[in-house]
């Protein structure tokens, strides 16, 4: 939850793009429901589920867009980490895990949003020259996994939302298959009646 507020503070455009993606997803969601249940009539429960689903999707999409922007600016973070390390160590010095944690704290103080993504990283066995690239690589790797989890959450919300909406439509629609069967049944019944009269 707090990551969302930090992302909004970091870039308001993430919220705009996230909500636009969520809106487009909801439009596709409604299109698919209406396409499958052609005579569907949305009930108040359906609209309520739609609003809740939109809020959940917006939350996840904003986090996804914010994460993509962080990945896009990984080079900037690596440059800043390099500058911090160059001021304290020689390039050939091997940085211990404790020293790496101290460097990480300085980076997080400057970029608080990174606390949610690399605060738990363990960096040891790297020289001062290698450490910035290692930290940036760890950040990119974690962000990709983070985005993948957000997408899974979105899919889960859509599946649950679809089930709830379909159940709310169950008393208010006739499927196209049922509508198509009625004329066929009537034609078959008429043919049977004509056939019986002919035999007599």
C-alpha atoms as a PDB file:
ATOM      1  CA  UNK A   1       0.000   0.000   0.000  1.00  0.00           C
ATOM      2  CA  UNK A   2       2.740   2.476   0.970  1.00  0.00           C
ATOM      3  CA  UNK A   3       4.577   1.667  -2.249  1.00  0.00           C
ATOM      4  CA  UNK A   4       1.570   3.012  -4.148  1.00  0.00           C
ATOM      5  CA  UNK A   5       1.736   6.400  -2.398  1.00  0.00           C
ATOM      6  CA  UNK A   6       5.476   6.647  -2.981  1.00  0.00           C
ATOM      7  CA  UNK A   7       5.004   5.843  -6.661  1.00  0.00           C
ATOM      8  CA  UNK A   8       2.316   8.538  -6.911  1.00  0.00           C
ATOM      9  CA  UNK A   9       4.665  11.013  -5.271  1.00  0.00           C
ATOM     10  CA  UNK A  10       7.488   9.830  -7.504  1.00  0.00           C
ATOM     11  CA  UNK A  11       5.480  10.294 -10.698  1.00  0.00           C
ATOM     12  CA  UNK A  12       1.830  11.312 -11.046  1.00  0.00           C
ATOM     13  CA  UNK A  13       1.890  10.122 -14.664  1.00  0.00           C
ATOM     14  CA  UNK A  14       2.105   6.547 -13.343  1.00  0.00           C
ATOM     15  CA  UNK A  15      -1.354   6.991 -11.830  1.00  0.00           C
ATOM     16  CA  UNK A  16      -2.769   8.371 -15.089  1.00  0.00           C
ATOM     17  CA  UNK A  17      -1.357   5.548 -17.199  1.00  0.00           C
ATOM     18  CA  UNK A  18      -2.270   2.917 -14.629  1.00  0.00           C
ATOM     19  CA  UNK A  19      -5.902   4.055 -14.521  1.00  0.00           C
ATOM     20  CA  UNK A  20      -6.066   4.219 -18.322  1.00  0.00           C
ATOM     21  CA  UNK A  21      -4.806   0.634 -18.567  1.00  0.00           C
ATOM     22  CA  UNK A  22      -7.334  -0.436 -15.914  1.00  0.00           C
ATOM     23  CA  UNK A  23     -10.126   1.332 -17.819  1.00  0.00           C
ATOM     24  CA  UNK A  24      -9.119  -0.378 -21.068  1.00  0.00           C
ATOM     25  CA  UNK A  25      -9.067  -3.728 -19.252  1.00  0.00           C
ATOM     26  CA  UNK A  26     -12.564  -3.098 -17.888  1.00  0.00           C
ATOM     27  CA  UNK A  27     -13.821  -2.184 -21.371  1.00  0.00           C
ATOM     28  CA  UNK A  28     -12.444  -5.482 -22.704  1.00  0.00           C
ATOM     29  CA  UNK A  29     -13.956  -7.293 -19.711  1.00  0.00           C
ATOM     30  CA  UNK A  30     -17.444  -5.896 -20.435  1.00  0.00           C
ATOM     31  CA  UNK A  31     -17.047  -6.574 -24.179  1.00  0.00           C
ATOM     32  CA  UNK A  32     -16.241 -10.237 -23.537  1.00  0.00           C
ATOM     33  CA  UNK A  33     -19.137 -10.671 -21.090  1.00  0.00           C
ATOM     34  CA  UNK A  34     -21.601  -9.058 -23.507  1.00  0.00           C
ATOM     35  CA  UNK A  35     -20.167 -11.084 -26.386  1.00  0.00           C
ATOM     36  CA  UNK A  36     -20.639 -14.371 -24.545  1.00  0.00           C
ATOM     37  CA  UNK A  37     -24.027 -13.536 -23.035  1.00  0.00           C
ATOM     38  CA  UNK A  38     -25.593 -11.581 -25.885  1.00  0.00           C
ATOM     39  CA  UNK A  39     -28.891 -10.861 -24.086  1.00  0.00           C
ATOM     40  CA  UNK A  40     -27.280 -10.100 -20.734  1.00  0.00           C
ATOM     41  CA  UNK A  41     -28.762  -7.430 -18.501  1.00  0.00           C
ATOM     42  CA  UNK A  42     -26.420  -6.030 -15.881  1.00  0.00           C
ATOM     43  CA  UNK A  43     -27.921  -5.841 -12.413  1.00  0.00           C
ATOM     44  CA  UNK A  44     -26.918  -3.389  -9.634  1.00  0.00           C
ATOM     45  CA  UNK A  45     -24.726  -6.157  -8.236  1.00  0.00           C
ATOM     46  CA  UNK A  46     -22.947  -6.383 -11.599  1.00  0.00           C
ATOM     47  CA  UNK A  47     -22.176  -2.666 -11.561  1.00  0.00           C
ATOM     48  CA  UNK A  48     -20.973  -2.898  -7.963  1.00  0.00           C
ATOM     49  CA  UNK A  49     -18.616  -5.746  -8.853  1.00  0.00           C
ATOM     50  CA  UNK A  50     -17.399  -3.715 -11.832  1.00  0.00           C
ATOM     51  CA  UNK A  51     -16.545  -0.699  -9.678  1.00  0.00           C
ATOM     52  CA  UNK A  52     -14.658  -2.835  -7.136  1.00  0.00           C
ATOM     53  CA  UNK A  53     -12.818  -4.674  -9.906  1.00  0.00           C
ATOM     54  CA  UNK A  54     -11.823  -1.360 -11.505  1.00  0.00           C
ATOM     55  CA  UNK A  55     -10.384  -0.099  -8.209  1.00  0.00           C
ATOM     56  CA  UNK A  56      -8.364  -3.281  -7.677  1.00  0.00           C
ATOM     57  CA  UNK A  57      -7.080  -3.263 -11.249  1.00  0.00           C
ATOM     58  CA  UNK A  58      -6.181   0.428 -11.001  1.00  0.00           C
ATOM     59  CA  UNK A  59      -4.142  -0.248  -7.862  1.00  0.00           C
ATOM     60  CA  UNK A  60      -2.196  -3.069  -9.506  1.00  0.00           C
ATOM     61  CA  UNK A  61      -1.758  -1.257 -12.834  1.00  0.00           C
ATOM     62  CA  UNK A  62      -0.350   1.841 -11.126  1.00  0.00           C
ATOM     63  CA  UNK A  63       2.193  -0.366  -9.357  1.00  0.00           C
ATOM     64  CA  UNK A  64       3.083  -2.045 -12.659  1.00  0.00           C
ATOM     65  CA  UNK A  65       3.576   1.265 -14.487  1.00  0.00           C
ATOM     66  CA  UNK A  66       5.629   2.626 -11.588  1.00  0.00           C
ATOM     67  CA  UNK A  67       7.790  -0.491 -11.609  1.00  0.00           C
ATOM     68  CA  UNK A  68       8.379  -0.165 -15.354  1.00  0.00           C
ATOM     69  CA  UNK A  69       9.495   3.412 -14.847  1.00  0.00           C
ATOM     70  CA  UNK A  70      11.926   2.334 -12.124  1.00  0.00           C
ATOM     71  CA  UNK A  71      13.395  -0.275 -14.482  1.00  0.00           C
ATOM     72  CA  UNK A  72      13.699   2.394 -17.164  1.00  0.00           C
ATOM     73  CA  UNK A  73      15.707   4.620 -14.802  1.00  0.00           C
ATOM     74  CA  UNK A  74      17.967   1.867 -13.435  1.00  0.00           C
ATOM     75  CA  UNK A  75      20.913   3.443 -15.229  1.00  0.00           C
ATOM     76  CA  UNK A  76      20.386   6.652 -13.269  1.00  0.00           C
ATOM     77  CA  UNK A  77      20.393   4.729  -9.979  1.00  0.00           C
ATOM     78  CA  UNK A  78      23.561   2.905 -10.990  1.00  0.00           C
ATOM     79  CA  UNK A  79      25.257   6.221 -11.728  1.00  0.00           C
ATOM     80  CA  UNK A  80      24.277   7.589  -8.317  1.00  0.00           C
ATOM     81  CA  UNK A  81      25.472   4.441  -6.536  1.00  0.00           C
ATOM     82  CA  UNK A  82      28.776   4.661  -8.421  1.00  0.00           C
ATOM     83  CA  UNK A  83      29.218   8.263  -7.316  1.00  0.00           C
ATOM     84  CA  UNK A  84      28.523   7.368  -3.657  1.00  0.00           C
ATOM     85  CA  UNK A  85      30.968   4.451  -3.716  1.00  0.00           C
ATOM     86  CA  UNK A  86      33.709   6.388  -5.522  1.00  0.00           C
ATOM     87  CA  UNK A  87      33.640   8.966  -2.743  1.00  0.00           C
ATOM     88  CA  UNK A  88      34.325   6.301  -0.097  1.00  0.00           C
ATOM     89  CA  UNK A  89      36.305   3.450  -1.694  1.00  0.00           C
ATOM     90  CA  UNK A  90      38.927   2.763  -4.305  1.00  0.00           C
ATOM     91  CA  UNK A  91      37.785   0.822  -7.355  1.00  0.00           C
ATOM     92  CA  UNK A  92      39.789  -2.284  -6.404  1.00  0.00           C
ATOM     93  CA  UNK A  93      38.602  -2.415  -2.779  1.00  0.00           C
ATOM     94  CA  UNK A  94      36.434  -5.411  -1.888  1.00  0.00           C
ATOM     95  CA  UNK A  95      33.231  -4.251  -0.211  1.00  0.00           C
ATOM     96  CA  UNK A  96      31.979  -6.354   2.691  1.00  0.00           C
ATOM     97  CA  UNK A  97      28.312  -7.114   3.297  1.00  0.00           C
ATOM     98  CA  UNK A  98      28.180  -4.617   6.162  1.00  0.00           C
ATOM     99  CA  UNK A  99      29.710  -1.888   4.019  1.00  0.00           C
ATOM    100  CA  UNK A 100      27.277  -2.720   1.194  1.00  0.00           C
ATOM    101  CA  UNK A 101      24.389  -2.364   3.636  1.00  0.00           C
ATOM    102  CA  UNK A 102      25.691   1.063   4.677  1.00  0.00           C
ATOM    103  CA  UNK A 103      25.901   2.109   1.030  1.00  0.00           C
ATOM    104  CA  UNK A 104      22.396   0.795   0.476  1.00  0.00           C
ATOM    105  CA  UNK A 105      21.080   2.894   3.353  1.00  0.00           C
ATOM    106  CA  UNK A 106      22.591   6.018   1.823  1.00  0.00           C
ATOM    107  CA  UNK A 107      21.009   5.191  -1.541  1.00  0.00           C
ATOM    108  CA  UNK A 108      17.598   4.580   0.048  1.00  0.00           C
ATOM    109  CA  UNK A 109      17.812   7.868   1.961  1.00  0.00           C
ATOM    110  CA  UNK A 110      18.248   9.616  -1.363  1.00  0.00           C
ATOM    111  CA  UNK A 111      15.683   7.472  -3.216  1.00  0.00           C
ATOM    112  CA  UNK A 112      13.136   6.291  -0.582  1.00  0.00           C
ATOM    113  CA  UNK A 113      11.048   4.446  -3.166  1.00  0.00           C
ATOM    114  CA  UNK A 114      13.825   1.846  -3.551  1.00  0.00           C
ATOM    115  CA  UNK A 115      13.314   0.686   0.029  1.00  0.00           C
ATOM    116  CA  UNK A 116      10.480  -1.592  -1.160  1.00  0.00           C
ATOM    117  CA  UNK A 117      12.669  -3.339  -3.721  1.00  0.00           C
ATOM    118  CA  UNK A 118      16.360  -3.678  -2.750  1.00  0.00           C
ATOM    119  CA  UNK A 119      16.411  -3.125   1.025  1.00  0.00           C
ATOM    120  CA  UNK A 120      16.748  -6.875   1.612  1.00  0.00           C
ATOM    121  CA  UNK A 121      19.469  -7.518  -0.943  1.00  0.00           C
ATOM    122  CA  UNK A 122      22.700  -9.151   0.189  1.00  0.00           C
ATOM    123  CA  UNK A 123      25.808  -7.965  -1.605  1.00  0.00           C
ATOM    124  CA  UNK A 124      29.170  -9.496  -0.745  1.00  0.00           C
ATOM    125  CA  UNK A 125      32.312 -10.429  -2.647  1.00  0.00           C
ATOM    126  CA  UNK A 126      32.087  -7.439  -4.977  1.00  0.00           C
ATOM    127  CA  UNK A 127      34.714  -4.791  -5.510  1.00  0.00           C
ATOM    128  CA  UNK A 128      33.775  -1.130  -5.315  1.00  0.00           C
ATOM    129  CA  UNK A 129      33.820  -1.030  -9.101  1.00  0.00           C
ATOM    130  CA  UNK A 130      31.483  -4.039  -9.473  1.00  0.00           C
ATOM    131  CA  UNK A 131      29.006  -3.191  -6.712  1.00  0.00           C
ATOM    132  CA  UNK A 132      26.973  -0.468  -8.502  1.00  0.00           C
ATOM    133  CA  UNK A 133      26.259  -2.765 -11.445  1.00  0.00           C
ATOM    134  CA  UNK A 134      25.384  -5.633  -9.081  1.00  0.00           C
ATOM    135  CA  UNK A 135      22.915  -3.462  -7.167  1.00  0.00           C
ATOM    136  CA  UNK A 136      21.331  -2.159 -10.372  1.00  0.00           C
ATOM    137  CA  UNK A 137      21.060  -5.707 -11.725  1.00  0.00           C
ATOM    138  CA  UNK A 138      19.431  -6.904  -8.512  1.00  0.00           C
ATOM    139  CA  UNK A 139      16.954  -4.033  -8.729  1.00  0.00           C
ATOM    140  CA  UNK A 140      16.013  -4.846 -12.342  1.00  0.00           C
ATOM    141  CA  UNK A 141      15.658  -8.556 -11.571  1.00  0.00           C
ATOM    142  CA  UNK A 142      13.432  -7.930  -8.571  1.00  0.00           C
ATOM    143  CA  UNK A 143      11.274  -5.431 -10.479  1.00  0.00           C
ATOM    144  CA  UNK A 144      10.577  -7.961 -13.236  1.00  0.00           C
ATOM    145  CA  UNK A 145       9.473 -10.525 -10.648  1.00  0.00           C
ATOM    146  CA  UNK A 146       7.417  -7.829  -8.910  1.00  0.00           C
ATOM    147  CA  UNK A 147       5.639  -6.941 -12.171  1.00  0.00           C
ATOM    148  CA  UNK A 148       4.938 -10.618 -12.868  1.00  0.00           C
ATOM    149  CA  UNK A 149       3.263 -10.958  -9.436  1.00  0.00           C
ATOM    150  CA  UNK A 150       1.160  -7.837 -10.074  1.00  0.00           C
ATOM    151  CA  UNK A 151      -0.027  -9.351 -13.364  1.00  0.00           C
ATOM    152  CA  UNK A 152      -0.985 -12.567 -11.592  1.00  0.00           C
ATOM    153  CA  UNK A 153      -3.000 -10.539  -9.076  1.00  0.00           C
ATOM    154  CA  UNK A 154      -4.774  -8.776 -11.952  1.00  0.00           C
ATOM    155  CA  UNK A 155      -5.668 -12.095 -13.561  1.00  0.00           C
ATOM    156  CA  UNK A 156      -6.959 -13.397 -10.229  1.00  0.00           C
ATOM    157  CA  UNK A 157      -9.143 -10.318  -9.719  1.00  0.00           C
ATOM    158  CA  UNK A 158     -10.531 -10.599 -13.266  1.00  0.00           C
ATOM    159  CA  UNK A 159     -11.409 -14.278 -12.816  1.00  0.00           C
ATOM    160  CA  UNK A 160     -13.184 -13.668  -9.498  1.00  0.00           C
ATOM    161  CA  UNK A 161     -14.932 -10.606 -10.933  1.00  0.00           C
ATOM    162  CA  UNK A 162     -16.105 -12.538 -13.995  1.00  0.00           C
ATOM    163  CA  UNK A 163     -17.585 -15.294 -11.822  1.00  0.00           C
ATOM    164  CA  UNK A 164     -19.423 -12.759  -9.656  1.00  0.00           C
ATOM    165  CA  UNK A 165     -20.770 -10.827 -12.653  1.00  0.00           C
ATOM    166  CA  UNK A 166     -21.921 -13.970 -14.459  1.00  0.00           C
ATOM    167  CA  UNK A 167     -23.750 -15.153 -11.346  1.00  0.00           C
ATOM    168  CA  UNK A 168     -25.462 -11.774 -11.050  1.00  0.00           C
ATOM    169  CA  UNK A 169     -26.606 -12.160 -14.696  1.00  0.00           C
ATOM    170  CA  UNK A 170     -27.881 -15.728 -14.325  1.00  0.00           C
ATOM    171  CA  UNK A 171     -31.525 -14.667 -13.799  1.00  0.00           C
ATOM    172  CA  UNK A 172     -31.532 -11.941 -16.403  1.00  0.00           C
ATOM    173  CA  UNK A 173     -30.276 -13.451 -19.639  1.00  0.00           C
ATOM    174  CA  UNK A 174     -31.038 -16.075 -22.270  1.00  0.00           C
ATOM    175  CA  UNK A 175     -27.990 -17.435 -23.983  1.00  0.00           C
ATOM    176  CA  UNK A 176     -27.815 -17.205 -27.760  1.00  0.00           C
ATOM    177  CA  UNK A 177     -27.744 -21.001 -27.959  1.00  0.00           C
ATOM    178  CA  UNK A 178     -31.089 -21.235 -26.162  1.00  0.00           C
ATOM    179  CA  UNK A 179     -32.583 -18.585 -28.469  1.00  0.00           C
ATOM    180  CA  UNK A 180     -31.339 -20.442 -31.552  1.00  0.00           C
ATOM    181  CA  UNK A 181     -32.752 -23.767 -30.333  1.00  0.00           C
ATOM    182  CA  UNK A 182     -36.330 -22.493 -29.979  1.00  0.00           C
ATOM    183  CA  UNK A 183     -37.038 -21.959 -33.726  1.00  0.00           C
ATOM    184  CA  UNK A 184     -35.428 -25.313 -34.521  1.00  0.00           C
ATOM    185  CA  UNK A 185     -37.585 -27.105 -31.972  1.00  0.00           C
ATOM    186  CA  UNK A 186     -40.718 -25.455 -33.384  1.00  0.00           C
ATOM    187  CA  UNK A 187     -39.825 -26.458 -36.950  1.00  0.00           C
ATOM    188  CA  UNK A 188     -39.167 -30.062 -35.878  1.00  0.00           C
ATOM    189  CA  UNK A 189     -42.475 -30.187 -33.987  1.00  0.00           C
ATOM    190  CA  UNK A 190     -44.400 -28.877 -37.025  1.00  0.00           C
ATOM    191  CA  UNK A 191     -42.735 -31.470 -39.274  1.00  0.00           C
ATOM    192  CA  UNK A 192     -43.744 -34.254 -36.920  1.00  0.00           C
ATOM    193  CA  UNK A 193     -47.333 -33.063 -36.892  1.00  0.00           C
ATOM    194  CA  UNK A 194     -47.452 -32.855 -40.709  1.00  0.00           C
ATOM    195  CA  UNK A 195     -45.895 -36.319 -40.982  1.00  0.00           C
ATOM    196  CA  UNK A 196     -48.492 -37.835 -38.667  1.00  0.00           C
ATOM    197  CA  UNK A 197     -51.360 -36.259 -40.632  1.00  0.00           C
ATOM    198  CA  UNK A 198     -49.937 -37.575 -43.918  1.00  0.00           C
ATOM    199  CA  UNK A 199     -49.737 -41.135 -42.599  1.00  0.00           C
ATOM    200  CA  UNK A 200     -53.375 -41.042 -41.553  1.00  0.00           C
END
